[in-house]
Amino acid sequence: MRVIRADVMGMCFGVRDALKVIGSEARPQDVTIHGQLVHNERVLVELEHRGFAMNGESDRAGVPATPTVLITAHGISERERKRLEQAGKTLVDTTCPLVTRVHQAALSLQSEGYHVLLIGRPGHVEVQGIVEDLVSYHVVPSEESAESYPFPKLGVICQTTAASRNVEKVRAAIVAKNPQAEIKFVDTVCLPTKEHQRSLDRLLEEVDVMVVVGGRNSNNTRELVTLSTERGVPAYHVQGASDLDAGWFDAVETVGLTAGTSTLDETIDEVYAALLQLSAASRRSETLLSRS
């Protein structure tokens, strides 16, 4: 069994920058992380052990008890930012600049009189941060959910981790159902997400099975799994090496390995090493069978 790594995978610069900022915090007990810093369970456990308080992403309505609040890479709305500042909190902002770009695009479209359509996953923390500053919007997760909207101008933007293939389908559905509208599209899917998806697309030509490493709540990781299965290649979503099951690889000749943008390099290396061990065990088993 061969194991091939994707040429682009793992942690993006936005996540690395967020981890660098929080790594420099000298007094973790004074800091509440406003949601999940990144969608990576291993990182979250380490932060908890260091003494950081953390609000759940669906439990951010209250005011944190600590004097400092850290804004995660997924960002928050200006409304939420002002609420925390008015409560006397010092904010440490690790919002990814590519997420900030989506906020700016949404507000710009709104100021130009467009009804904003956000292609993304309803309820996702990044999506919530974007739409909380908007007066007129819809979140459109799929082409099936696109509607005829009673507005003369429609501005279309994307969650940064949306799948490009889904964006094109949703965009086409919006155009088809709103022939009367002026439609302005701003592609705000981030470059790291696109590069991860393109790399996987190339790799799928060479493998029988994919292993995708990333947090259970990671949208971009789940999109990699979906892309693989839509192309007819079985994909297994794991958070670490301990999630691997040798039975997945029976009679498999080539395994591909990729990872979402919140996945630590060491986690990828651990999964890769475990796959190599499974490959070596498979070869030993084949050798014994051939001798018997």
C-alpha atoms as a PDB file:
ATOM      1  CA  MET A   1       0.000   0.000   0.000  1.00  0.00           C
ATOM      2  CA  ARG A   2       1.415   3.351  -1.068  1.00  0.00           C
ATOM      3  CA  VAL A   3       0.676   6.572   0.823  1.00  0.00           C
ATOM      4  CA  ILE A   4       0.738   9.867  -1.113  1.00  0.00           C
ATOM      5  CA  ARG A   5       0.550  13.236   0.615  1.00  0.00           C
ATOM      6  CA  ALA A   6      -1.216  16.167  -1.018  1.00  0.00           C
ATOM      7  CA  ASP A   7       1.208  18.861  -2.139  1.00  0.00           C
ATOM      8  CA  VAL A   8      -0.869  21.534  -0.349  1.00  0.00           C
ATOM      9  CA  MET A   9      -2.491  20.712   2.983  1.00  0.00           C
ATOM     10  CA  GLY A  10      -2.641  21.661   6.626  1.00  0.00           C
ATOM     11  CA  MET A  11      -2.502  24.900   8.522  1.00  0.00           C
ATOM     12  CA  CYS A  12      -3.064  28.207   6.724  1.00  0.00           C
ATOM     13  CA  PHE A  13      -1.358  31.493   7.613  1.00  0.00           C
ATOM     14  CA  GLY A  14      -4.459  32.826   9.403  1.00  0.00           C
ATOM     15  CA  VAL A  15      -4.484  29.934  11.860  1.00  0.00           C
ATOM     16  CA  ARG A  16      -0.701  30.080  12.338  1.00  0.00           C
ATOM     17  CA  ASP A  17      -0.924  33.799  13.110  1.00  0.00           C
ATOM     18  CA  ALA A  18      -3.737  33.222  15.636  1.00  0.00           C
ATOM     19  CA  LEU A  19      -1.718  30.507  17.409  1.00  0.00           C
ATOM     20  CA  LYS A  20       1.337  32.784  17.477  1.00  0.00           C
ATOM     21  CA  VAL A  21      -0.660  35.571  19.130  1.00  0.00           C
ATOM     22  CA  ILE A  22      -2.161  33.350  21.795  1.00  0.00           C
ATOM     23  CA  GLY A  23       1.198  31.696  22.388  1.00  0.00           C
ATOM     24  CA  SER A  24       2.580  35.060  23.494  1.00  0.00           C
ATOM     25  CA  GLU A  25      -0.138  35.628  26.128  1.00  0.00           C
ATOM     26  CA  ALA A  26       1.678  35.688  29.479  1.00  0.00           C
ATOM     27  CA  ARG A  27      -1.447  35.515  31.684  1.00  0.00           C
ATOM     28  CA  PRO A  28      -3.874  32.965  30.225  1.00  0.00           C
ATOM     29  CA  GLN A  29      -6.058  33.181  33.336  1.00  0.00           C
ATOM     30  CA  ASP A  30      -6.942  36.763  32.359  1.00  0.00           C
ATOM     31  CA  VAL A  31      -8.114  35.830  28.859  1.00  0.00           C
ATOM     32  CA  THR A  32     -11.371  34.389  27.552  1.00  0.00           C
ATOM     33  CA  ILE A  33     -11.319  33.004  24.014  1.00  0.00           C
ATOM     34  CA  HIS A  34     -14.569  34.138  22.407  1.00  0.00           C
ATOM     35  CA  GLY A  35     -15.510  30.843  20.725  1.00  0.00           C
ATOM     36  CA  GLN A  36     -13.118  28.220  19.365  1.00  0.00           C
ATOM     37  CA  LEU A  37      -9.773  29.775  18.433  1.00  0.00           C
ATOM     38  CA  VAL A  38      -9.568  27.253  15.602  1.00  0.00           C
ATOM     39  CA  HIS A  39     -11.651  24.184  14.815  1.00  0.00           C
ATOM     40  CA  ASN A  40      -9.021  21.799  16.112  1.00  0.00           C
ATOM     41  CA  GLU A  41      -9.794  19.725  19.210  1.00  0.00           C
ATOM     42  CA  ARG A  42      -6.136  19.101  20.059  1.00  0.00           C
ATOM     43  CA  VAL A  43      -5.376  22.817  20.120  1.00  0.00           C
ATOM     44  CA  LEU A  44      -8.454  23.532  22.247  1.00  0.00           C
ATOM     45  CA  VAL A  45      -7.410  20.964  24.855  1.00  0.00           C
ATOM     46  CA  GLU A  46      -3.932  22.487  25.034  1.00  0.00           C
ATOM     47  CA  LEU A  47      -5.380  25.977  25.509  1.00  0.00           C
ATOM     48  CA  GLU A  48      -7.624  24.746  28.303  1.00  0.00           C
ATOM     49  CA  HIS A  49      -4.624  23.155  30.030  1.00  0.00           C
ATOM     50  CA  ARG A  50      -2.779  26.483  29.806  1.00  0.00           C
ATOM     51  CA  GLY A  51      -5.617  28.141  31.740  1.00  0.00           C
ATOM     52  CA  PHE A  52      -7.564  30.051  29.085  1.00  0.00           C
ATOM     53  CA  ALA A  53     -11.307  30.381  29.572  1.00  0.00           C
ATOM     54  CA  MET A  54     -13.348  29.595  26.468  1.00  0.00           C
ATOM     55  CA  ASN A  55     -16.858  30.464  25.403  1.00  0.00           C
ATOM     56  CA  GLY A  56     -18.699  28.002  23.212  1.00  0.00           C
ATOM     57  CA  GLU A  57     -19.513  29.356  19.773  1.00  0.00           C
ATOM     58  CA  SER A  58     -23.228  29.083  20.507  1.00  0.00           C
ATOM     59  CA  ASP A  59     -22.803  30.601  23.986  1.00  0.00           C
ATOM     60  CA  ARG A  60     -21.323  34.052  23.425  1.00  0.00           C
ATOM     61  CA  ALA A  61     -24.259  36.235  24.443  1.00  0.00           C
ATOM     62  CA  GLY A  62     -22.954  36.926  27.936  1.00  0.00           C
ATOM     63  CA  VAL A  63     -20.040  39.074  29.044  1.00  0.00           C
ATOM     64  CA  PRO A  64     -16.837  37.138  29.825  1.00  0.00           C
ATOM     65  CA  ALA A  65     -15.565  37.480  33.390  1.00  0.00           C
ATOM     66  CA  THR A  66     -11.933  38.035  32.400  1.00  0.00           C
ATOM     67  CA  PRO A  67     -10.556  41.505  31.611  1.00  0.00           C
ATOM     68  CA  THR A  68      -9.302  40.400  28.186  1.00  0.00           C
ATOM     69  CA  VAL A  69     -11.298  38.777  25.385  1.00  0.00           C
ATOM     70  CA  LEU A  70      -9.545  37.134  22.441  1.00  0.00           C
ATOM     71  CA  ILE A  71     -11.374  37.285  19.108  1.00  0.00           C
ATOM     72  CA  THR A  72     -10.836  34.120  17.127  1.00  0.00           C
ATOM     73  CA  ALA A  73      -9.621  33.726  13.544  1.00  0.00           C
ATOM     74  CA  HIS A  74     -13.276  33.396  12.447  1.00  0.00           C
ATOM     75  CA  GLY A  75     -13.969  37.012  13.422  1.00  0.00           C
ATOM     76  CA  ILE A  76     -16.980  38.762  14.952  1.00  0.00           C
ATOM     77  CA  SER A  77     -19.360  41.504  13.878  1.00  0.00           C
ATOM     78  CA  GLU A  78     -18.738  45.169  14.627  1.00  0.00           C
ATOM     79  CA  ARG A  79     -21.909  45.033  16.731  1.00  0.00           C
ATOM     80  CA  GLU A  80     -20.379  42.315  18.903  1.00  0.00           C
ATOM     81  CA  ARG A  81     -17.054  44.113  19.056  1.00  0.00           C
ATOM     82  CA  LYS A  82     -18.710  47.282  20.362  1.00  0.00           C
ATOM     83  CA  ARG A  83     -20.745  45.295  22.902  1.00  0.00           C
ATOM     84  CA  LEU A  84     -17.581  43.807  24.410  1.00  0.00           C
ATOM     85  CA  GLU A  85     -15.716  47.119  24.388  1.00  0.00           C
ATOM     86  CA  GLN A  86     -18.632  48.888  26.080  1.00  0.00           C
ATOM     87  CA  ALA A  87     -18.467  46.211  28.788  1.00  0.00           C
ATOM     88  CA  GLY A  88     -14.911  47.361  29.474  1.00  0.00           C
ATOM     89  CA  LYS A  89     -13.109  44.440  27.882  1.00  0.00           C
ATOM     90  CA  THR A  90      -9.698  44.659  26.241  1.00  0.00           C
ATOM     91  CA  LEU A  91      -9.844  42.883  22.895  1.00  0.00           C
ATOM     92  CA  VAL A  92      -7.055  40.848  21.354  1.00  0.00           C
ATOM     93  CA  ASP A  93      -7.991  40.366  17.707  1.00  0.00           C
ATOM     94  CA  THR A  94      -6.768  37.331  15.755  1.00  0.00           C
ATOM     95  CA  THR A  95      -9.358  37.612  12.969  1.00  0.00           C
ATOM     96  CA  CYS A  96      -7.953  36.249   9.718  1.00  0.00           C
ATOM     97  CA  PRO A  97      -7.484  39.146   7.266  1.00  0.00           C
ATOM     98  CA  LEU A  98      -9.272  37.116   4.584  1.00  0.00           C
ATOM     99  CA  VAL A  99     -12.328  36.917   6.859  1.00  0.00           C
ATOM    100  CA  THR A 100     -12.094  40.675   7.396  1.00  0.00           C
ATOM    101  CA  ARG A 101     -12.188  41.020   3.613  1.00  0.00           C
ATOM    102  CA  VAL A 102     -15.581  39.261   3.533  1.00  0.00           C
ATOM    103  CA  HIS A 103     -16.952  41.627   6.197  1.00  0.00           C
ATOM    104  CA  GLN A 104     -15.763  44.591   4.162  1.00  0.00           C
ATOM    105  CA  ALA A 105     -17.255  43.212   0.934  1.00  0.00           C
ATOM    106  CA  ALA A 106     -20.621  42.605   2.629  1.00  0.00           C
ATOM    107  CA  LEU A 107     -20.799  46.117   4.075  1.00  0.00           C
ATOM    108  CA  SER A 108     -19.672  47.662   0.804  1.00  0.00           C
ATOM    109  CA  LEU A 109     -22.399  45.848  -1.132  1.00  0.00           C
ATOM    110  CA  GLN A 110     -24.976  46.892   1.448  1.00  0.00           C
ATOM    111  CA  SER A 111     -23.892  50.539   1.201  1.00  0.00           C
ATOM    112  CA  GLU A 112     -24.342  50.323  -2.598  1.00  0.00           C
ATOM    113  CA  GLY A 113     -27.942  49.210  -2.138  1.00  0.00           C
ATOM    114  CA  TYR A 114     -27.526  45.483  -2.708  1.00  0.00           C
ATOM    115  CA  HIS A 115     -29.420  42.802  -0.817  1.00  0.00           C
ATOM    116  CA  VAL A 116     -26.575  40.545   0.335  1.00  0.00           C
ATOM    117  CA  LEU A 117     -26.589  36.823  -0.394  1.00  0.00           C
ATOM    118  CA  LEU A 118     -23.918  34.925   1.527  1.00  0.00           C
ATOM    119  CA  ILE A 119     -23.008  31.504   0.145  1.00  0.00           C
ATOM    120  CA  GLY A 120     -22.082  29.527   3.246  1.00  0.00           C
ATOM    121  CA  ARG A 121     -23.208  27.291   6.075  1.00  0.00           C
ATOM    122  CA  PRO A 122     -26.009  28.750   8.238  1.00  0.00           C
ATOM    123  CA  GLY A 123     -24.996  29.015  11.874  1.00  0.00           C
ATOM    124  CA  HIS A 124     -21.264  28.798  11.206  1.00  0.00           C
ATOM    125  CA  VAL A 125     -19.381  31.224  13.438  1.00  0.00           C
ATOM    126  CA  GLU A 126     -17.786  33.074  10.503  1.00  0.00           C
ATOM    127  CA  VAL A 127     -21.158  33.429   8.799  1.00  0.00           C
ATOM    128  CA  GLN A 128     -22.770  34.739  11.991  1.00  0.00           C
ATOM    129  CA  GLY A 129     -20.094  37.381  12.365  1.00  0.00           C
ATOM    130  CA  ILE A 130     -20.671  38.614   8.830  1.00  0.00           C
ATOM    131  CA  VAL A 131     -24.458  38.789   8.797  1.00  0.00           C
ATOM    132  CA  GLU A 132     -24.856  40.396  12.237  1.00  0.00           C
ATOM    133  CA  ASP A 133     -23.816  43.733  10.716  1.00  0.00           C
ATOM    134  CA  LEU A 134     -26.243  43.475   7.793  1.00  0.00           C
ATOM    135  CA  VAL A 135     -29.789  44.798   7.536  1.00  0.00           C
ATOM    136  CA  SER A 136     -30.845  42.891   4.423  1.00  0.00           C
ATOM    137  CA  TYR A 137     -29.398  39.459   3.690  1.00  0.00           C
ATOM    138  CA  HIS A 138     -29.977  35.753   3.103  1.00  0.00           C
ATOM    139  CA  VAL A 139     -27.577  32.853   3.757  1.00  0.00           C
ATOM    140  CA  VAL A 140     -27.655  30.433   0.821  1.00  0.00           C
ATOM    141  CA  PRO A 141     -25.975  27.077   1.560  1.00  0.00           C
ATOM    142  CA  SER A 142     -26.860  25.203  -1.643  1.00  0.00           C
ATOM    143  CA  GLU A 143     -28.268  25.600  -5.121  1.00  0.00           C
ATOM    144  CA  GLU A 144     -31.528  24.027  -3.925  1.00  0.00           C
ATOM    145  CA  SER A 145     -31.942  26.792  -1.326  1.00  0.00           C
ATOM    146  CA  ALA A 146     -31.560  29.628  -3.845  1.00  0.00           C
ATOM    147  CA  GLU A 147     -34.798  31.569  -4.310  1.00  0.00           C
ATOM    148  CA  SER A 148     -36.329  34.389  -6.295  1.00  0.00           C
ATOM    149  CA  TYR A 149     -35.609  37.412  -4.091  1.00  0.00           C
ATOM    150  CA  PRO A 150     -37.811  40.554  -4.191  1.00  0.00           C
ATOM    151  CA  PHE A 151     -34.899  42.953  -4.600  1.00  0.00           C
ATOM    152  CA  PRO A 152     -33.655  44.772  -7.718  1.00  0.00           C
ATOM    153  CA  LYS A 153     -29.972  44.417  -6.721  1.00  0.00           C
ATOM    154  CA  LEU A 154     -28.351  41.265  -5.314  1.00  0.00           C
ATOM    155  CA  GLY A 155     -24.787  41.187  -4.000  1.00  0.00           C
ATOM    156  CA  VAL A 156     -23.285  37.710  -3.706  1.00  0.00           C
ATOM    157  CA  ILE A 157     -20.335  36.856  -1.439  1.00  0.00           C
ATOM    158  CA  CYS A 158     -18.949  33.613   0.020  1.00  0.00           C
ATOM    159  CA  GLN A 159     -17.859  32.123   3.319  1.00  0.00           C
ATOM    160  CA  THR A 160     -14.066  31.910   3.105  1.00  0.00           C
ATOM    161  CA  THR A 161     -14.056  28.102   3.414  1.00  0.00           C
ATOM    162  CA  ALA A 162     -16.865  27.396   0.944  1.00  0.00           C
ATOM    163  CA  ALA A 163     -16.179  24.826  -1.777  1.00  0.00           C
ATOM    164  CA  SER A 164     -15.563  26.533  -5.107  1.00  0.00           C
ATOM    165  CA  ARG A 165     -17.638  23.953  -7.002  1.00  0.00           C
ATOM    166  CA  ASN A 166     -20.615  24.631  -4.698  1.00  0.00           C
ATOM    167  CA  VAL A 167     -20.169  28.384  -5.048  1.00  0.00           C
ATOM    168  CA  GLU A 168     -20.466  28.131  -8.823  1.00  0.00           C
ATOM    169  CA  LYS A 169     -23.609  25.998  -8.575  1.00  0.00           C
ATOM    170  CA  VAL A 170     -25.256  28.367  -6.094  1.00  0.00           C
ATOM    171  CA  ARG A 171     -24.258  31.406  -8.105  1.00  0.00           C
ATOM    172  CA  ALA A 172     -25.762  29.896 -11.271  1.00  0.00           C
ATOM    173  CA  ALA A 173     -28.990  29.046  -9.413  1.00  0.00           C
ATOM    174  CA  ILE A 174     -29.270  32.612  -8.077  1.00  0.00           C
ATOM    175  CA  VAL A 175     -28.829  34.033 -11.579  1.00  0.00           C
ATOM    176  CA  ALA A 176     -31.365  31.609 -13.061  1.00  0.00           C
ATOM    177  CA  LYS A 177     -34.019  32.419 -10.440  1.00  0.00           C
ATOM    178  CA  ASN A 178     -33.523  36.188 -10.499  1.00  0.00           C
ATOM    179  CA  PRO A 179     -33.415  37.267 -14.154  1.00  0.00           C
ATOM    180  CA  GLN A 180     -34.888  40.651 -13.217  1.00  0.00           C
ATOM    181  CA  ALA A 181     -32.115  41.544 -10.767  1.00  0.00           C
ATOM    182  CA  GLU A 182     -28.784  43.264 -11.124  1.00  0.00           C
ATOM    183  CA  ILE A 183     -26.343  40.766  -9.621  1.00  0.00           C
ATOM    184  CA  LYS A 184     -22.839  41.579  -8.394  1.00  0.00           C
ATOM    185  CA  PHE A 185     -20.603  38.670  -7.388  1.00  0.00           C
ATOM    186  CA  VAL A 186     -17.518  39.054  -5.184  1.00  0.00           C
ATOM    187  CA  ASP A 187     -15.479  35.857  -4.843  1.00  0.00           C
ATOM    188  CA  THR A 188     -14.416  35.817  -1.181  1.00  0.00           C
ATOM    189  CA  VAL A 189     -13.422  32.150  -0.910  1.00  0.00           C
ATOM    190  CA  CYS A 190      -9.909  32.381   0.523  1.00  0.00           C
ATOM    191  CA  LEU A 191      -6.857  31.335  -1.503  1.00  0.00           C
ATOM    192  CA  PRO A 192      -5.637  28.704   1.016  1.00  0.00           C
ATOM    193  CA  THR A 193      -9.031  26.972   0.831  1.00  0.00           C
ATOM    194  CA  LYS A 194      -8.897  27.010  -2.969  1.00  0.00           C
ATOM    195  CA  GLU A 195      -5.333  25.673  -3.001  1.00  0.00           C
ATOM    196  CA  HIS A 196      -6.250  22.827  -0.637  1.00  0.00           C
ATOM    197  CA  GLN A 197      -9.186  21.871  -2.851  1.00  0.00           C
ATOM    198  CA  ARG A 198      -7.152  22.071  -6.075  1.00  0.00           C
ATOM    199  CA  SER A 199      -4.384  19.956  -4.567  1.00  0.00           C
ATOM    200  CA  LEU A 200      -6.906  17.321  -3.488  1.00  0.00           C
ATOM    201  CA  ASP A 201      -8.484  17.386  -6.938  1.00  0.00           C
ATOM    202  CA  ARG A 202      -5.128  16.499  -8.492  1.00  0.00           C
ATOM    203  CA  LEU A 203      -4.441  13.789  -5.942  1.00  0.00           C
ATOM    204  CA  LEU A 204      -7.778  12.048  -6.496  1.00  0.00           C
ATOM    205  CA  GLU A 205      -6.543  10.943  -9.917  1.00  0.00           C
ATOM    206  CA  GLU A 206      -3.908   8.743  -8.244  1.00  0.00           C
ATOM    207  CA  VAL A 207      -5.535   7.152  -5.170  1.00  0.00           C
ATOM    208  CA  ASP A 208      -8.138   4.565  -4.192  1.00  0.00           C
ATOM    209  CA  VAL A 209      -8.970   5.999  -0.752  1.00  0.00           C
ATOM    210  CA  MET A 210      -8.478   9.380   0.948  1.00  0.00           C
ATOM    211  CA  VAL A 211      -7.701  10.153   4.575  1.00  0.00           C
ATOM    212  CA  VAL A 212      -8.623  13.737   5.519  1.00  0.00           C
ATOM    213  CA  VAL A 213      -7.262  15.086   8.803  1.00  0.00           C
ATOM    214  CA  GLY A 214      -9.020  17.887  10.651  1.00  0.00           C
ATOM    215  CA  GLY A 215     -11.363  18.934  13.432  1.00  0.00           C
ATOM    216  CA  ARG A 216     -14.920  17.652  13.479  1.00  0.00           C
ATOM    217  CA  ASN A 217     -16.236  21.245  13.333  1.00  0.00           C
ATOM    218  CA  SER A 218     -13.889  22.337  10.536  1.00  0.00           C
ATOM    219  CA  ASN A 219     -15.943  23.422   7.538  1.00  0.00           C
ATOM    220  CA  ASN A 220     -13.060  23.325   5.074  1.00  0.00           C
ATOM    221  CA  THR A 221     -12.077  19.821   6.246  1.00  0.00           C
ATOM    222  CA  ARG A 222     -15.612  18.564   5.675  1.00  0.00           C
ATOM    223  CA  GLU A 223     -15.593  20.149   2.235  1.00  0.00           C
ATOM    224  CA  LEU A 224     -12.466  18.146   1.371  1.00  0.00           C
ATOM    225  CA  VAL A 225     -14.267  14.964   2.405  1.00  0.00           C
ATOM    226  CA  THR A 226     -17.287  15.908   0.308  1.00  0.00           C
ATOM    227  CA  LEU A 227     -15.140  16.737  -2.723  1.00  0.00           C
ATOM    228  CA  SER A 228     -13.485  13.339  -2.523  1.00  0.00           C
ATOM    229  CA  THR A 229     -16.699  11.359  -2.195  1.00  0.00           C
ATOM    230  CA  GLU A 230     -18.354  13.329  -5.002  1.00  0.00           C
ATOM    231  CA  ARG A 231     -15.455  12.290  -7.219  1.00  0.00           C
ATOM    232  CA  GLY A 232     -16.086   8.650  -6.324  1.00  0.00           C
ATOM    233  CA  VAL A 233     -13.138   8.188  -3.956  1.00  0.00           C
ATOM    234  CA  PRO A 234     -14.022   6.979  -0.425  1.00  0.00           C
ATOM    235  CA  ALA A 235     -12.812   9.428   2.224  1.00  0.00           C
ATOM    236  CA  TYR A 236     -12.269   8.991   5.953  1.00  0.00           C
ATOM    237  CA  HIS A 237     -12.321  12.065   8.202  1.00  0.00           C
ATOM    238  CA  VAL A 238      -9.979  11.626  11.180  1.00  0.00           C
ATOM    239  CA  GLN A 239      -8.836  13.964  13.918  1.00  0.00           C
ATOM    240  CA  GLY A 240      -5.635  12.046  14.586  1.00  0.00           C
ATOM    241  CA  ALA A 241      -3.760   8.785  14.124  1.00  0.00           C
ATOM    242  CA  SER A 242      -5.808   7.000  16.795  1.00  0.00           C
ATOM    243  CA  ASP A 243      -8.923   7.342  14.610  1.00  0.00           C
ATOM    244  CA  LEU A 244      -7.468   5.198  11.821  1.00  0.00           C
ATOM    245  CA  ASP A 245      -8.946   1.751  11.258  1.00  0.00           C
ATOM    246  CA  ALA A 246      -6.798  -0.847   9.489  1.00  0.00           C
ATOM    247  CA  GLY A 247      -9.946  -2.382   8.014  1.00  0.00           C
ATOM    248  CA  TRP A 248     -10.469   0.714   5.854  1.00  0.00           C
ATOM    249  CA  PHE A 249      -7.450  -0.210   3.770  1.00  0.00           C
ATOM    250  CA  ASP A 250      -8.050  -3.904   3.007  1.00  0.00           C
ATOM    251  CA  ALA A 251      -7.143  -4.544  -0.631  1.00  0.00           C
ATOM    252  CA  VAL A 252      -6.302  -0.843  -1.119  1.00  0.00           C
ATOM    253  CA  GLU A 253      -3.235  -0.126  -3.226  1.00  0.00           C
ATOM    254  CA  THR A 254      -2.890   3.647  -2.863  1.00  0.00           C
ATOM    255  CA  VAL A 255      -4.002   5.981  -0.059  1.00  0.00           C
ATOM    256  CA  GLY A 256      -4.062   9.763  -0.308  1.00  0.00           C
ATOM    257  CA  LEU A 257      -3.536  12.062   2.665  1.00  0.00           C
ATOM    258  CA  THR A 258      -4.685  15.650   3.045  1.00  0.00           C
ATOM    259  CA  ALA A 259      -5.694  17.947   5.905  1.00  0.00           C
ATOM    260  CA  GLY A 260      -7.816  20.998   6.640  1.00  0.00           C
ATOM    261  CA  THR A 261      -6.483  24.475   7.288  1.00  0.00           C
ATOM    262  CA  SER A 262      -6.664  24.157  11.090  1.00  0.00           C
ATOM    263  CA  THR A 263      -4.624  20.953  11.294  1.00  0.00           C
ATOM    264  CA  LEU A 264      -1.261  20.982  13.084  1.00  0.00           C
ATOM    265  CA  ASP A 265       1.808  19.814  11.163  1.00  0.00           C
ATOM    266  CA  GLU A 266       2.619  17.286  13.893  1.00  0.00           C
ATOM    267  CA  THR A 267      -0.865  15.779  13.659  1.00  0.00           C
ATOM    268  CA  ILE A 268      -0.461  15.288   9.904  1.00  0.00           C
ATOM    269  CA  ASP A 269       2.966  13.702  10.435  1.00  0.00           C
ATOM    270  CA  GLU A 270       1.545  11.340  13.078  1.00  0.00           C
ATOM    271  CA  VAL A 271      -1.243  10.194  10.753  1.00  0.00           C
ATOM    272  CA  TYR A 272       1.244   9.765   7.902  1.00  0.00           C
ATOM    273  CA  ALA A 273       3.548   7.664  10.099  1.00  0.00           C
ATOM    274  CA  ALA A 274       0.606   5.509  11.214  1.00  0.00           C
ATOM    275  CA  LEU A 275      -0.424   4.945   7.589  1.00  0.00           C
ATOM    276  CA  LEU A 276       3.130   3.900   6.740  1.00  0.00           C
ATOM    277  CA  GLN A 277       3.043   1.415   9.623  1.00  0.00           C
ATOM    278  CA  LEU A 278      -0.222  -0.030   8.299  1.00  0.00           C
ATOM    279  CA  SER A 279       1.364  -0.249   4.869  1.00  0.00           C
ATOM    280  CA  ALA A 280       4.383  -2.125   6.251  1.00  0.00           C
ATOM    281  CA  ALA A 281       2.136  -4.498   8.197  1.00  0.00           C
ATOM    282  CA  SER A 282       0.125  -5.151   5.039  1.00  0.00           C
ATOM    283  CA  ARG A 283       3.283  -6.032   3.104  1.00  0.00           C
ATOM    284  CA  ARG A 284       4.452  -8.406   5.848  1.00  0.00           C
ATOM    285  CA  SER A 285       1.068 -10.108   5.818  1.00  0.00           C
ATOM    286  CA  GLU A 286       1.190 -10.502   2.043  1.00  0.00           C
ATOM    287  CA  THR A 287       4.695 -11.967   2.278  1.00  0.00           C
ATOM    288  CA  LEU A 288       3.620 -14.539   4.879  1.00  0.00           C
ATOM    289  CA  LEU A 289       0.617 -15.547   2.792  1.00  0.00           C
ATOM    290  CA  SER A 290       2.761 -15.995  -0.296  1.00  0.00           C
ATOM    291  CA  ARG A 291       5.107 -18.308   1.610  1.00  0.00           C
ATOM    292  CA  SER A 292       2.357 -20.476   3.072  1.00  0.00           C
END
